[in-house]
Structure formats: structure tokens, C-alpha cells
Amino acid sequence: MKKLTHSRIRNGMERGYGFQNLVRRSLLVQFVFGGLVSLFVTFAVITSHASAQTAIAPSPATADLDIQTAKVEYLSNLDLLVFEQTLEDTAGKTVPPAVGQVDGAPVLGYVFPTTLKPKVAGFGEVEGVLALAVTSHPDFDDTPLWDENLDRRYDNDGAIYHSHWVVLNPDERVAGGLSVKEFKEGDASVVMPPTNPGMPMYLDSPGFQVLLRDNRLQVLVPAARIRNQTDFKYDAVTAYMQVNTTDRTRPLLGVYKVYEVLSGDLSLPFSASSTNSEIGTPLLSNSLN
């Protein structure tokens, strides 16, 4: 299994958010305010930081998060793109445990980072990596237009694996080195697709069909939904993410553990292929295992 190395990111986090920095800040507080008040502040800061860190508990690696191959195939006679990952075990078998609230809610994802520009998915002129993500998160529902479990309710489907477009950017505040790009709520300059769930980050809920069959995951994306852009590169990733609504030192939705990166280095080396077969007979399948 090939893993993405994050030593540089971890080192940066240790420099920026390590215990030594907390101690320095605590000593400064003691110097300025003195006495028991400063000691109380010191204890509160360290305790709060420790609690935030221990709250990050990624799901353990499982075989259904181990990518064997991946491909993105354009079916020309259907004008349809099929994003596919083949896993070692049953695709989507693992669902993260619910914690009972949105803050700290775990998210598992099968992700396809691409070289596509965010604007082809309906975002504005924003910098970042456009990725198609298939996620599960039992604590909340972020697809208000879609009823994935077909029970005629639109607010209870978060645990069922479903599709998102996200714009990712590097983020040294989290162990996985990436987070979903955020914006200030109410910023009139931000352009979002009309299917977005209303969160202050570049995340859309396009409603693309997700198929989980044995050890294969597929997402069906009509080419017209990405402005007929069928020539691009991509990678395949499985990762643990977590929602944060209280700790200002961490992102709203960050990547805390990367289970697998097919390329080994997130270089997006694979190219979308084409076929005129309705059943999508593969012309190219990528595997570096």
C-alpha cells in the first residue's frame, strides 16, 4: 500500500502549534498579569488545546479503503463520465461512527482530485484543486435536494455515501495537509453552484449517482455538468476528514488521515480515457500497487 508522506506538514504543525509555543504564551501571560489568575489562564489554554487534539480520532484503516485501481472513463455515446475506484474489500463497507453532533463529526471519503478548474463545476474564479468526493457522515445531511435512501425525507441521508464537488487547498493545521477552502459567510463576491448546501466553504452537492457494487465504487457524471471537459488528469485518494465549528485554529472541514493515494505522491498523473461502448469497457486502468 502506497502512502502519502506528510513529514514536512507535521514538522510545520509542530513548529506552529507545538507544546513549546503554548508554554511560551503561558509564560507571557504570567509575566503580564501575574499571580493565580495567570496560572488559571495557563491551565485553561493548555487543557483546551489538549482537548481539541485528543478529539481527533481517525477511523482505523480497513481493506475497503485500500485502493487497487482507478479510472475515469468518458462514454461518448452517452456523454457521460464514470469515475471509478476498485478497492481491496467491499466498497463503502465502512461508515464512520456517529458522535451525536456536527462539531467533531467524522467524514470518510473516496476522493478524485483533478486538474479541472473549479469554475467548470459552477464555482467562481477560485484557486484550488477541484475534487470529486464520495463521502459518508452519519451526524448531518448536506444534500438537501436529494433523497439518497428513498424514504421521502431529504434530511437524514448523511450516512449513505453520496457525491460532492469540493475545492481543496494545502493546510498545515491538519495532519492530512489539506482542507476544503473556506470563505466568509455573506461574502457577495463568492460564486457557488445552486446545488450547494449553504455552508461557508467551497462544497457542492450535485446529486451525481453513486454505485457501490462489490469492491467497485463508481460515480456517474454527465459531461454537460462540467462544461463538457473530458480531457483532464486525476488521482485517487481515501481519507478521514472531520468537521470543526469551535476551534479557530483548525479548518471547518480538514483532512486528518490519508489512507491511500494511488499515485503515491498526489501528483495527479492519470488521464481520463474515452470509449464509445455503452457498458464502459475500460481502455485504461491505473494501478501502481
C-alpha atoms as a PDB file:
ATOM      1  CA  MET A   1       0.000   0.000   0.000  1.00  0.00           C
ATOM      2  CA  LYS A   2       1.426   3.377  -1.021  1.00  0.00           C
ATOM      3  CA  LYS A   3       1.046   6.182   1.488  1.00  0.00           C
ATOM      4  CA  LEU A   4       1.378   9.939   1.111  1.00  0.00           C
ATOM      5  CA  THR A   5       4.227  11.294   3.247  1.00  0.00           C
ATOM      6  CA  HIS A   6       3.336  14.261   5.423  1.00  0.00           C
ATOM      7  CA  SER A   7       6.578  14.729   7.386  1.00  0.00           C
ATOM      8  CA  ARG A   8       7.011  18.286   6.152  1.00  0.00           C
ATOM      9  CA  ILE A   9       3.451  19.132   7.099  1.00  0.00           C
ATOM     10  CA  ARG A  10       3.776  17.515  10.523  1.00  0.00           C
ATOM     11  CA  ASN A  11       7.020  19.394  11.146  1.00  0.00           C
ATOM     12  CA  GLY A  12       5.302  22.648  10.246  1.00  0.00           C
ATOM     13  CA  MET A  13       2.454  21.870  12.608  1.00  0.00           C
ATOM     14  CA  GLU A  14       4.887  21.076  15.395  1.00  0.00           C
ATOM     15  CA  ARG A  15       6.648  24.382  14.859  1.00  0.00           C
ATOM     16  CA  GLY A  16       3.397  26.360  14.691  1.00  0.00           C
ATOM     17  CA  TYR A  17       1.199  24.605  17.206  1.00  0.00           C
ATOM     18  CA  GLY A  18       3.577  22.665  19.453  1.00  0.00           C
ATOM     19  CA  PHE A  19       3.546  22.477  23.228  1.00  0.00           C
ATOM     20  CA  GLN A  20       6.581  24.782  23.439  1.00  0.00           C
ATOM     21  CA  ASN A  21       4.628  27.625  21.832  1.00  0.00           C
ATOM     22  CA  LEU A  22       1.839  27.141  24.351  1.00  0.00           C
ATOM     23  CA  VAL A  23       4.335  27.289  27.195  1.00  0.00           C
ATOM     24  CA  ARG A  24       5.893  30.484  25.803  1.00  0.00           C
ATOM     25  CA  ARG A  25       2.485  32.128  25.520  1.00  0.00           C
ATOM     26  CA  SER A  26       1.590  30.969  29.005  1.00  0.00           C
ATOM     27  CA  LEU A  27       4.767  32.459  30.475  1.00  0.00           C
ATOM     28  CA  LEU A  28       3.980  35.755  28.772  1.00  0.00           C
ATOM     29  CA  VAL A  29       0.513  35.767  30.346  1.00  0.00           C
ATOM     30  CA  GLN A  30       2.046  35.098  33.754  1.00  0.00           C
ATOM     31  CA  PHE A  31       4.524  37.930  33.287  1.00  0.00           C
ATOM     32  CA  VAL A  32       1.872  40.454  32.323  1.00  0.00           C
ATOM     33  CA  PHE A  33      -0.887  39.543  34.722  1.00  0.00           C
ATOM     34  CA  GLY A  34       0.962  37.610  37.411  1.00  0.00           C
ATOM     35  CA  GLY A  35      -0.352  35.511  40.261  1.00  0.00           C
ATOM     36  CA  LEU A  36      -3.095  32.961  40.388  1.00  0.00           C
ATOM     37  CA  VAL A  37      -5.111  34.497  37.533  1.00  0.00           C
ATOM     38  CA  SER A  38      -2.303  33.878  35.061  1.00  0.00           C
ATOM     39  CA  LEU A  39      -1.843  30.317  36.299  1.00  0.00           C
ATOM     40  CA  PHE A  40      -5.542  29.681  35.736  1.00  0.00           C
ATOM     41  CA  VAL A  41      -5.309  31.074  32.210  1.00  0.00           C
ATOM     42  CA  THR A  42      -2.249  28.892  31.537  1.00  0.00           C
ATOM     43  CA  PHE A  43      -4.054  25.771  32.686  1.00  0.00           C
ATOM     44  CA  ALA A  44      -7.169  26.635  30.666  1.00  0.00           C
ATOM     45  CA  VAL A  45      -5.227  27.246  27.450  1.00  0.00           C
ATOM     46  CA  ILE A  46      -3.248  24.015  27.687  1.00  0.00           C
ATOM     47  CA  THR A  47      -6.300  21.979  28.679  1.00  0.00           C
ATOM     48  CA  SER A  48      -8.360  23.435  25.833  1.00  0.00           C
ATOM     49  CA  HIS A  49      -5.620  22.709  23.303  1.00  0.00           C
ATOM     50  CA  ALA A  50      -5.181  19.162  24.562  1.00  0.00           C
ATOM     51  CA  SER A  51      -8.921  18.512  24.367  1.00  0.00           C
ATOM     52  CA  ALA A  52      -9.006  19.722  20.753  1.00  0.00           C
ATOM     53  CA  GLN A  53      -6.140  17.431  19.842  1.00  0.00           C
ATOM     54  CA  THR A  54      -7.499  14.313  21.576  1.00  0.00           C
ATOM     55  CA  ALA A  55     -10.849  14.851  19.835  1.00  0.00           C
ATOM     56  CA  ILE A  56      -9.194  13.904  16.527  1.00  0.00           C
ATOM     57  CA  ALA A  57      -9.542  10.127  16.327  1.00  0.00           C
ATOM     58  CA  PRO A  58      -9.491   8.947  12.694  1.00  0.00           C
ATOM     59  CA  SER A  59     -11.217   5.711  11.819  1.00  0.00           C
ATOM     60  CA  PRO A  60      -8.767   2.798  11.551  1.00  0.00           C
ATOM     61  CA  ALA A  61      -7.580   1.755   8.106  1.00  0.00           C
ATOM     62  CA  THR A  62      -9.661  -1.031   6.576  1.00  0.00           C
ATOM     63  CA  ALA A  63      -9.414  -3.045   3.371  1.00  0.00           C
ATOM     64  CA  ASP A  64     -12.367  -1.218   1.803  1.00  0.00           C
ATOM     65  CA  LEU A  65     -10.294   1.979   1.933  1.00  0.00           C
ATOM     66  CA  ASP A  66      -7.336   0.345   0.171  1.00  0.00           C
ATOM     67  CA  ILE A  67      -7.393   1.430  -3.486  1.00  0.00           C
ATOM     68  CA  GLN A  68      -6.281  -1.175  -6.013  1.00  0.00           C
ATOM     69  CA  THR A  69      -7.018   0.630  -9.279  1.00  0.00           C
ATOM     70  CA  ALA A  70      -8.848   3.705 -10.513  1.00  0.00           C
ATOM     71  CA  LYS A  71     -10.046   5.104 -13.798  1.00  0.00           C
ATOM     72  CA  VAL A  72     -12.113   7.950 -15.204  1.00  0.00           C
ATOM     73  CA  GLU A  73     -13.812   6.987 -18.426  1.00  0.00           C
ATOM     74  CA  TYR A  74     -15.809   9.118 -20.857  1.00  0.00           C
ATOM     75  CA  LEU A  75     -18.596   7.197 -22.601  1.00  0.00           C
ATOM     76  CA  SER A  76     -19.020   9.275 -25.741  1.00  0.00           C
ATOM     77  CA  ASN A  77     -22.316   7.811 -26.931  1.00  0.00           C
ATOM     78  CA  LEU A  78     -23.852   8.500 -23.507  1.00  0.00           C
ATOM     79  CA  ASP A  79     -21.980  11.790 -22.987  1.00  0.00           C
ATOM     80  CA  LEU A  80     -21.193  10.519 -19.506  1.00  0.00           C
ATOM     81  CA  LEU A  81     -18.093  10.321 -17.332  1.00  0.00           C
ATOM     82  CA  VAL A  82     -17.647   7.377 -14.961  1.00  0.00           C
ATOM     83  CA  PHE A  83     -15.269   7.927 -12.047  1.00  0.00           C
ATOM     84  CA  GLU A  84     -14.254   4.556 -10.602  1.00  0.00           C
ATOM     85  CA  GLN A  85     -12.185   3.137  -7.760  1.00  0.00           C
ATOM     86  CA  THR A  86     -11.602  -0.575  -7.178  1.00  0.00           C
ATOM     87  CA  LEU A  87     -10.953  -1.447  -3.551  1.00  0.00           C
ATOM     88  CA  GLU A  88      -9.451  -4.457  -1.807  1.00  0.00           C
ATOM     89  CA  ASP A  89     -12.757  -5.127   0.005  1.00  0.00           C
ATOM     90  CA  THR A  90     -16.411  -4.146  -0.423  1.00  0.00           C
ATOM     91  CA  ALA A  91     -16.686  -0.502  -1.463  1.00  0.00           C
ATOM     92  CA  GLY A  92     -18.394   1.667   1.157  1.00  0.00           C
ATOM     93  CA  LYS A  93     -18.378  -1.110   3.736  1.00  0.00           C
ATOM     94  CA  THR A  94     -17.013   1.159   6.459  1.00  0.00           C
ATOM     95  CA  VAL A  95     -19.197   4.031   7.697  1.00  0.00           C
ATOM     96  CA  PRO A  96     -17.788   6.394  10.356  1.00  0.00           C
ATOM     97  CA  PRO A  97     -19.421   6.216  13.803  1.00  0.00           C
ATOM     98  CA  ALA A  98     -21.816   8.996  14.762  1.00  0.00           C
ATOM     99  CA  VAL A  99     -20.765  11.333  17.576  1.00  0.00           C
ATOM    100  CA  GLY A 100     -24.176  12.985  18.026  1.00  0.00           C
ATOM    101  CA  GLN A 101     -23.316  16.500  16.826  1.00  0.00           C
ATOM    102  CA  VAL A 102     -21.929  18.395  13.850  1.00  0.00           C
ATOM    103  CA  ASP A 103     -18.868  19.732  15.692  1.00  0.00           C
ATOM    104  CA  GLY A 104     -16.322  16.933  15.570  1.00  0.00           C
ATOM    105  CA  ALA A 105     -18.415  14.883  13.143  1.00  0.00           C
ATOM    106  CA  PRO A 106     -16.297  12.294  11.293  1.00  0.00           C
ATOM    107  CA  VAL A 107     -16.343  12.038   7.499  1.00  0.00           C
ATOM    108  CA  LEU A 108     -14.975   9.187   5.374  1.00  0.00           C
ATOM    109  CA  GLY A 109     -14.287   9.867   1.727  1.00  0.00           C
ATOM    110  CA  TYR A 110     -13.301   8.301  -1.572  1.00  0.00           C
ATOM    111  CA  VAL A 111     -11.824  11.246  -3.455  1.00  0.00           C
ATOM    112  CA  PHE A 112     -10.758  12.049  -7.025  1.00  0.00           C
ATOM    113  CA  PRO A 113      -8.561  15.189  -7.090  1.00  0.00           C
ATOM    114  CA  THR A 114      -8.478  16.542 -10.657  1.00  0.00           C
ATOM    115  CA  THR A 115      -6.817  19.163 -12.839  1.00  0.00           C
ATOM    116  CA  LEU A 116     -10.239  20.583 -13.737  1.00  0.00           C
ATOM    117  CA  LYS A 117     -10.809  24.233 -12.872  1.00  0.00           C
ATOM    118  CA  PRO A 118     -13.350  24.869 -10.094  1.00  0.00           C
ATOM    119  CA  LYS A 119     -15.420  27.035 -12.443  1.00  0.00           C
ATOM    120  CA  VAL A 120     -16.387  24.021 -14.603  1.00  0.00           C
ATOM    121  CA  ALA A 121     -18.343  22.707 -11.609  1.00  0.00           C
ATOM    122  CA  GLY A 122     -20.126  26.021 -11.049  1.00  0.00           C
ATOM    123  CA  PHE A 123     -17.762  27.750  -8.629  1.00  0.00           C
ATOM    124  CA  GLY A 124     -16.374  31.203  -9.350  1.00  0.00           C
ATOM    125  CA  GLU A 125     -12.785  32.126 -10.174  1.00  0.00           C
ATOM    126  CA  VAL A 126     -11.242  30.496  -7.142  1.00  0.00           C
ATOM    127  CA  GLU A 127      -7.814  28.907  -6.766  1.00  0.00           C
ATOM    128  CA  GLY A 128      -7.568  25.334  -5.540  1.00  0.00           C
ATOM    129  CA  VAL A 129      -7.869  21.694  -6.551  1.00  0.00           C
ATOM    130  CA  LEU A 130     -11.302  20.626  -7.735  1.00  0.00           C
ATOM    131  CA  ALA A 131     -12.053  17.148  -6.394  1.00  0.00           C
ATOM    132  CA  LEU A 132     -14.996  14.811  -6.731  1.00  0.00           C
ATOM    133  CA  ALA A 133     -15.603  13.291  -3.303  1.00  0.00           C
ATOM    134  CA  VAL A 134     -17.880  10.440  -2.260  1.00  0.00           C
ATOM    135  CA  THR A 135     -18.500  10.782   1.466  1.00  0.00           C
ATOM    136  CA  SER A 136     -20.342   9.323   4.441  1.00  0.00           C
ATOM    137  CA  HIS A 137     -21.075  11.226   7.692  1.00  0.00           C
ATOM    138  CA  PRO A 138     -23.946   9.998   9.916  1.00  0.00           C
ATOM    139  CA  ASP A 139     -24.172  13.141  12.070  1.00  0.00           C
ATOM    140  CA  PHE A 140     -25.541  15.526   9.445  1.00  0.00           C
ATOM    141  CA  ASP A 141     -27.100  15.712   5.992  1.00  0.00           C
ATOM    142  CA  ASP A 142     -25.627  18.107   3.431  1.00  0.00           C
ATOM    143  CA  THR A 143     -27.632  17.077   0.359  1.00  0.00           C
ATOM    144  CA  PRO A 144     -30.967  18.870   0.945  1.00  0.00           C
ATOM    145  CA  LEU A 145     -32.075  18.386  -2.678  1.00  0.00           C
ATOM    146  CA  TRP A 146     -31.520  14.637  -2.772  1.00  0.00           C
ATOM    147  CA  ASP A 147     -33.177  11.676  -1.068  1.00  0.00           C
ATOM    148  CA  GLU A 148     -30.465   9.018  -1.210  1.00  0.00           C
ATOM    149  CA  ASN A 149     -32.313   6.386   0.853  1.00  0.00           C
ATOM    150  CA  LEU A 150     -35.635   6.979  -0.957  1.00  0.00           C
ATOM    151  CA  ASP A 151     -37.689   7.389   2.228  1.00  0.00           C
ATOM    152  CA  ARG A 152     -39.197  10.700   1.031  1.00  0.00           C
ATOM    153  CA  ARG A 153     -37.152  12.627   3.585  1.00  0.00           C
ATOM    154  CA  TYR A 154     -34.302  14.844   2.469  1.00  0.00           C
ATOM    155  CA  ASP A 155     -32.543  15.480   5.773  1.00  0.00           C
ATOM    156  CA  ASN A 156     -31.495  12.038   7.029  1.00  0.00           C
ATOM    157  CA  ASP A 157     -29.162  10.600   4.396  1.00  0.00           C
ATOM    158  CA  GLY A 158     -25.717  11.647   5.581  1.00  0.00           C
ATOM    159  CA  ALA A 159     -24.531   8.103   6.331  1.00  0.00           C
ATOM    160  CA  ILE A 160     -25.219   6.918   2.787  1.00  0.00           C
ATOM    161  CA  TYR A 161     -22.257   7.514   0.501  1.00  0.00           C
ATOM    162  CA  HIS A 162     -23.038  10.445  -1.770  1.00  0.00           C
ATOM    163  CA  SER A 163     -21.252  12.832  -4.123  1.00  0.00           C
ATOM    164  CA  HIS A 164     -19.724  16.278  -3.643  1.00  0.00           C
ATOM    165  CA  TRP A 165     -17.564  18.702  -5.513  1.00  0.00           C
ATOM    166  CA  VAL A 166     -15.025  20.332  -3.206  1.00  0.00           C
ATOM    167  CA  VAL A 167     -12.204  22.807  -3.712  1.00  0.00           C
ATOM    168  CA  LEU A 168      -9.147  21.726  -1.733  1.00  0.00           C
ATOM    169  CA  ASN A 169      -6.164  23.766  -0.626  1.00  0.00           C
ATOM    170  CA  PRO A 170      -2.975  22.951   1.322  1.00  0.00           C
ATOM    171  CA  ASP A 171      -3.420  23.358   5.064  1.00  0.00           C
ATOM    172  CA  GLU A 172      -0.616  22.710   7.552  1.00  0.00           C
ATOM    173  CA  ARG A 173      -3.027  22.956  10.502  1.00  0.00           C
ATOM    174  CA  VAL A 174      -4.176  19.390   9.907  1.00  0.00           C
ATOM    175  CA  ALA A 175      -2.232  16.130   9.726  1.00  0.00           C
ATOM    176  CA  GLY A 176      -3.545  15.277   6.259  1.00  0.00           C
ATOM    177  CA  GLY A 177      -2.236  18.548   4.850  1.00  0.00           C
ATOM    178  CA  LEU A 178      -5.453  19.577   3.064  1.00  0.00           C
ATOM    179  CA  SER A 179      -8.778  21.215   3.845  1.00  0.00           C
ATOM    180  CA  VAL A 180     -11.844  22.375   1.972  1.00  0.00           C
ATOM    181  CA  LYS A 181     -11.340  26.024   1.068  1.00  0.00           C
ATOM    182  CA  GLU A 182     -13.481  28.418   3.101  1.00  0.00           C
ATOM    183  CA  PHE A 183     -14.901  31.913   2.646  1.00  0.00           C
ATOM    184  CA  LYS A 184     -16.525  34.482   4.887  1.00  0.00           C
ATOM    185  CA  GLU A 185     -20.225  33.917   5.287  1.00  0.00           C
ATOM    186  CA  GLY A 186     -22.152  36.607   3.433  1.00  0.00           C
ATOM    187  CA  ASP A 187     -19.295  37.464   1.054  1.00  0.00           C
ATOM    188  CA  ALA A 188     -21.160  38.701  -2.026  1.00  0.00           C
ATOM    189  CA  SER A 189     -18.170  38.065  -4.295  1.00  0.00           C
ATOM    190  CA  VAL A 190     -18.321  34.295  -3.784  1.00  0.00           C
ATOM    191  CA  VAL A 191     -19.937  32.319  -6.620  1.00  0.00           C
ATOM    192  CA  MET A 192     -21.362  28.906  -5.744  1.00  0.00           C
ATOM    193  CA  PRO A 193     -23.337  26.298  -7.707  1.00  0.00           C
ATOM    194  CA  PRO A 194     -27.082  26.474  -6.992  1.00  0.00           C
ATOM    195  CA  THR A 195     -26.956  22.927  -5.576  1.00  0.00           C
ATOM    196  CA  ASN A 196     -24.600  23.884  -2.721  1.00  0.00           C
ATOM    197  CA  PRO A 197     -25.820  23.081   0.831  1.00  0.00           C
ATOM    198  CA  GLY A 198     -25.240  26.602   2.201  1.00  0.00           C
ATOM    199  CA  MET A 199     -22.021  26.107   4.157  1.00  0.00           C
ATOM    200  CA  PRO A 200     -19.256  28.780   4.147  1.00  0.00           C
ATOM    201  CA  MET A 201     -16.831  26.652   2.155  1.00  0.00           C
ATOM    202  CA  TYR A 202     -16.398  25.580  -1.453  1.00  0.00           C
ATOM    203  CA  LEU A 203     -18.533  22.432  -1.271  1.00  0.00           C
ATOM    204  CA  ASP A 204     -21.352  21.473  -3.621  1.00  0.00           C
ATOM    205  CA  SER A 205     -23.907  18.664  -3.536  1.00  0.00           C
ATOM    206  CA  PRO A 206     -24.503  17.912  -7.224  1.00  0.00           C
ATOM    207  CA  GLY A 207     -26.504  14.715  -6.722  1.00  0.00           C
ATOM    208  CA  PHE A 208     -24.434  12.506  -9.035  1.00  0.00           C
ATOM    209  CA  GLN A 209     -25.407   8.838  -8.802  1.00  0.00           C
ATOM    210  CA  VAL A 210     -23.031   6.745  -6.680  1.00  0.00           C
ATOM    211  CA  LEU A 211     -22.860   3.000  -7.385  1.00  0.00           C
ATOM    212  CA  LEU A 212     -21.339   0.609  -4.836  1.00  0.00           C
ATOM    213  CA  ARG A 213     -21.038  -2.897  -6.263  1.00  0.00           C
ATOM    214  CA  ASP A 214     -18.833  -5.458  -4.558  1.00  0.00           C
ATOM    215  CA  ASN A 215     -15.349  -3.888  -4.417  1.00  0.00           C
ATOM    216  CA  ARG A 216     -16.091  -1.221  -7.013  1.00  0.00           C
ATOM    217  CA  LEU A 217     -17.207   2.378  -6.485  1.00  0.00           C
ATOM    218  CA  GLN A 218     -18.497   4.385  -9.446  1.00  0.00           C
ATOM    219  CA  VAL A 219     -19.821   7.939  -9.791  1.00  0.00           C
ATOM    220  CA  LEU A 220     -21.824   8.904 -12.883  1.00  0.00           C
ATOM    221  CA  VAL A 221     -21.163  12.471 -14.027  1.00  0.00           C
ATOM    222  CA  PRO A 222     -22.900  13.875 -17.139  1.00  0.00           C
ATOM    223  CA  ALA A 223     -20.276  15.676 -19.222  1.00  0.00           C
ATOM    224  CA  ALA A 224     -22.545  18.702 -19.557  1.00  0.00           C
ATOM    225  CA  ARG A 225     -22.322  19.187 -15.773  1.00  0.00           C
ATOM    226  CA  ILE A 226     -18.603  20.012 -16.133  1.00  0.00           C
ATOM    227  CA  ARG A 227     -18.958  22.054 -19.335  1.00  0.00           C
ATOM    228  CA  ASN A 228     -18.011  19.073 -21.495  1.00  0.00           C
ATOM    229  CA  GLN A 229     -14.467  18.993 -20.167  1.00  0.00           C
ATOM    230  CA  THR A 230     -13.422  15.375 -20.714  1.00  0.00           C
ATOM    231  CA  ASP A 231      -9.656  15.771 -21.116  1.00  0.00           C
ATOM    232  CA  PHE A 232      -8.056  16.089 -17.672  1.00  0.00           C
ATOM    233  CA  LYS A 233      -5.834  14.328 -15.155  1.00  0.00           C
ATOM    234  CA  TYR A 234      -6.697  12.940 -11.759  1.00  0.00           C
ATOM    235  CA  ASP A 235      -5.627  10.866  -8.784  1.00  0.00           C
ATOM    236  CA  ALA A 236      -7.461   8.586  -6.346  1.00  0.00           C
ATOM    237  CA  VAL A 237      -7.450   9.014  -2.567  1.00  0.00           C
ATOM    238  CA  THR A 238      -9.221   7.634   0.504  1.00  0.00           C
ATOM    239  CA  ALA A 239      -9.201   9.832   3.595  1.00  0.00           C
ATOM    240  CA  TYR A 240     -10.652  10.657   7.002  1.00  0.00           C
ATOM    241  CA  MET A 241     -11.982  14.189   7.447  1.00  0.00           C
ATOM    242  CA  GLN A 242     -13.609  15.939  10.382  1.00  0.00           C
ATOM    243  CA  VAL A 243     -15.924  18.905  10.852  1.00  0.00           C
ATOM    244  CA  ASN A 244     -14.855  21.668  13.237  1.00  0.00           C
ATOM    245  CA  THR A 245     -17.141  24.531  14.284  1.00  0.00           C
ATOM    246  CA  THR A 246     -15.497  25.667  17.540  1.00  0.00           C
ATOM    247  CA  ASP A 247     -11.692  25.645  17.281  1.00  0.00           C
ATOM    248  CA  ARG A 248     -10.480  28.679  15.354  1.00  0.00           C
ATOM    249  CA  THR A 249      -7.023  27.168  14.922  1.00  0.00           C
ATOM    250  CA  ARG A 250      -8.405  24.421  12.684  1.00  0.00           C
ATOM    251  CA  PRO A 251     -10.387  24.422   9.414  1.00  0.00           C
ATOM    252  CA  LEU A 252     -14.105  23.859   9.102  1.00  0.00           C
ATOM    253  CA  LEU A 253     -13.510  20.597   7.212  1.00  0.00           C
ATOM    254  CA  GLY A 254      -9.966  19.248   7.251  1.00  0.00           C
ATOM    255  CA  VAL A 255      -8.211  16.055   6.202  1.00  0.00           C
ATOM    256  CA  TYR A 256      -6.712  14.344   9.250  1.00  0.00           C
ATOM    257  CA  LYS A 257      -5.687  10.968   7.851  1.00  0.00           C
ATOM    258  CA  VAL A 258      -4.872   9.780   4.349  1.00  0.00           C
ATOM    259  CA  TYR A 259      -5.338   6.035   3.971  1.00  0.00           C
ATOM    260  CA  GLU A 260      -4.281   5.650   0.356  1.00  0.00           C
ATOM    261  CA  VAL A 261      -3.039   7.728  -2.567  1.00  0.00           C
ATOM    262  CA  LEU A 262      -2.946   5.703  -5.774  1.00  0.00           C
ATOM    263  CA  SER A 263      -0.075   7.676  -7.317  1.00  0.00           C
ATOM    264  CA  GLY A 264       1.865   7.640  -4.054  1.00  0.00           C
ATOM    265  CA  ASP A 265       2.556  11.380  -4.157  1.00  0.00           C
ATOM    266  CA  LEU A 266      -0.712  13.093  -5.144  1.00  0.00           C
ATOM    267  CA  SER A 267       0.800  14.168  -8.463  1.00  0.00           C
ATOM    268  CA  LEU A 268      -2.445  13.593 -10.418  1.00  0.00           C
ATOM    269  CA  PRO A 269      -0.662  11.570 -13.129  1.00  0.00           C
ATOM    270  CA  PHE A 270      -3.623   9.645 -14.572  1.00  0.00           C
ATOM    271  CA  SER A 271      -5.613  10.725 -17.643  1.00  0.00           C
ATOM    272  CA  ALA A 272      -9.308  10.335 -18.341  1.00  0.00           C
ATOM    273  CA  SER A 273      -9.898   7.825 -21.122  1.00  0.00           C
ATOM    274  CA  SER A 274     -12.622   7.538 -23.770  1.00  0.00           C
ATOM    275  CA  THR A 275     -14.757   4.763 -25.212  1.00  0.00           C
ATOM    276  CA  ASN A 276     -17.853   4.516 -27.363  1.00  0.00           C
ATOM    277  CA  SER A 277     -19.096   1.420 -25.549  1.00  0.00           C
ATOM    278  CA  GLU A 278     -22.345   1.826 -23.613  1.00  0.00           C
ATOM    279  CA  ILE A 279     -21.196  -0.607 -20.946  1.00  0.00           C
ATOM    280  CA  GLY A 280     -17.939   1.243 -20.483  1.00  0.00           C
ATOM    281  CA  THR A 281     -15.386  -1.390 -21.438  1.00  0.00           C
ATOM    282  CA  PRO A 282     -12.185   0.037 -19.958  1.00  0.00           C
ATOM    283  CA  LEU A 283      -9.478   1.321 -22.280  1.00  0.00           C
ATOM    284  CA  LEU A 284      -7.180   2.290 -19.432  1.00  0.00           C
ATOM    285  CA  SER A 285      -6.993   1.223 -15.820  1.00  0.00           C
ATOM    286  CA  ASN A 286      -4.441   2.735 -13.468  1.00  0.00           C
ATOM    287  CA  SER A 287      -2.691   0.772 -10.762  1.00  0.00           C
ATOM    288  CA  LEU A 288       0.623   1.453  -9.102  1.00  0.00           C
ATOM    289  CA  ASN A 289       0.289  -1.288  -6.486  1.00  0.00           C
END
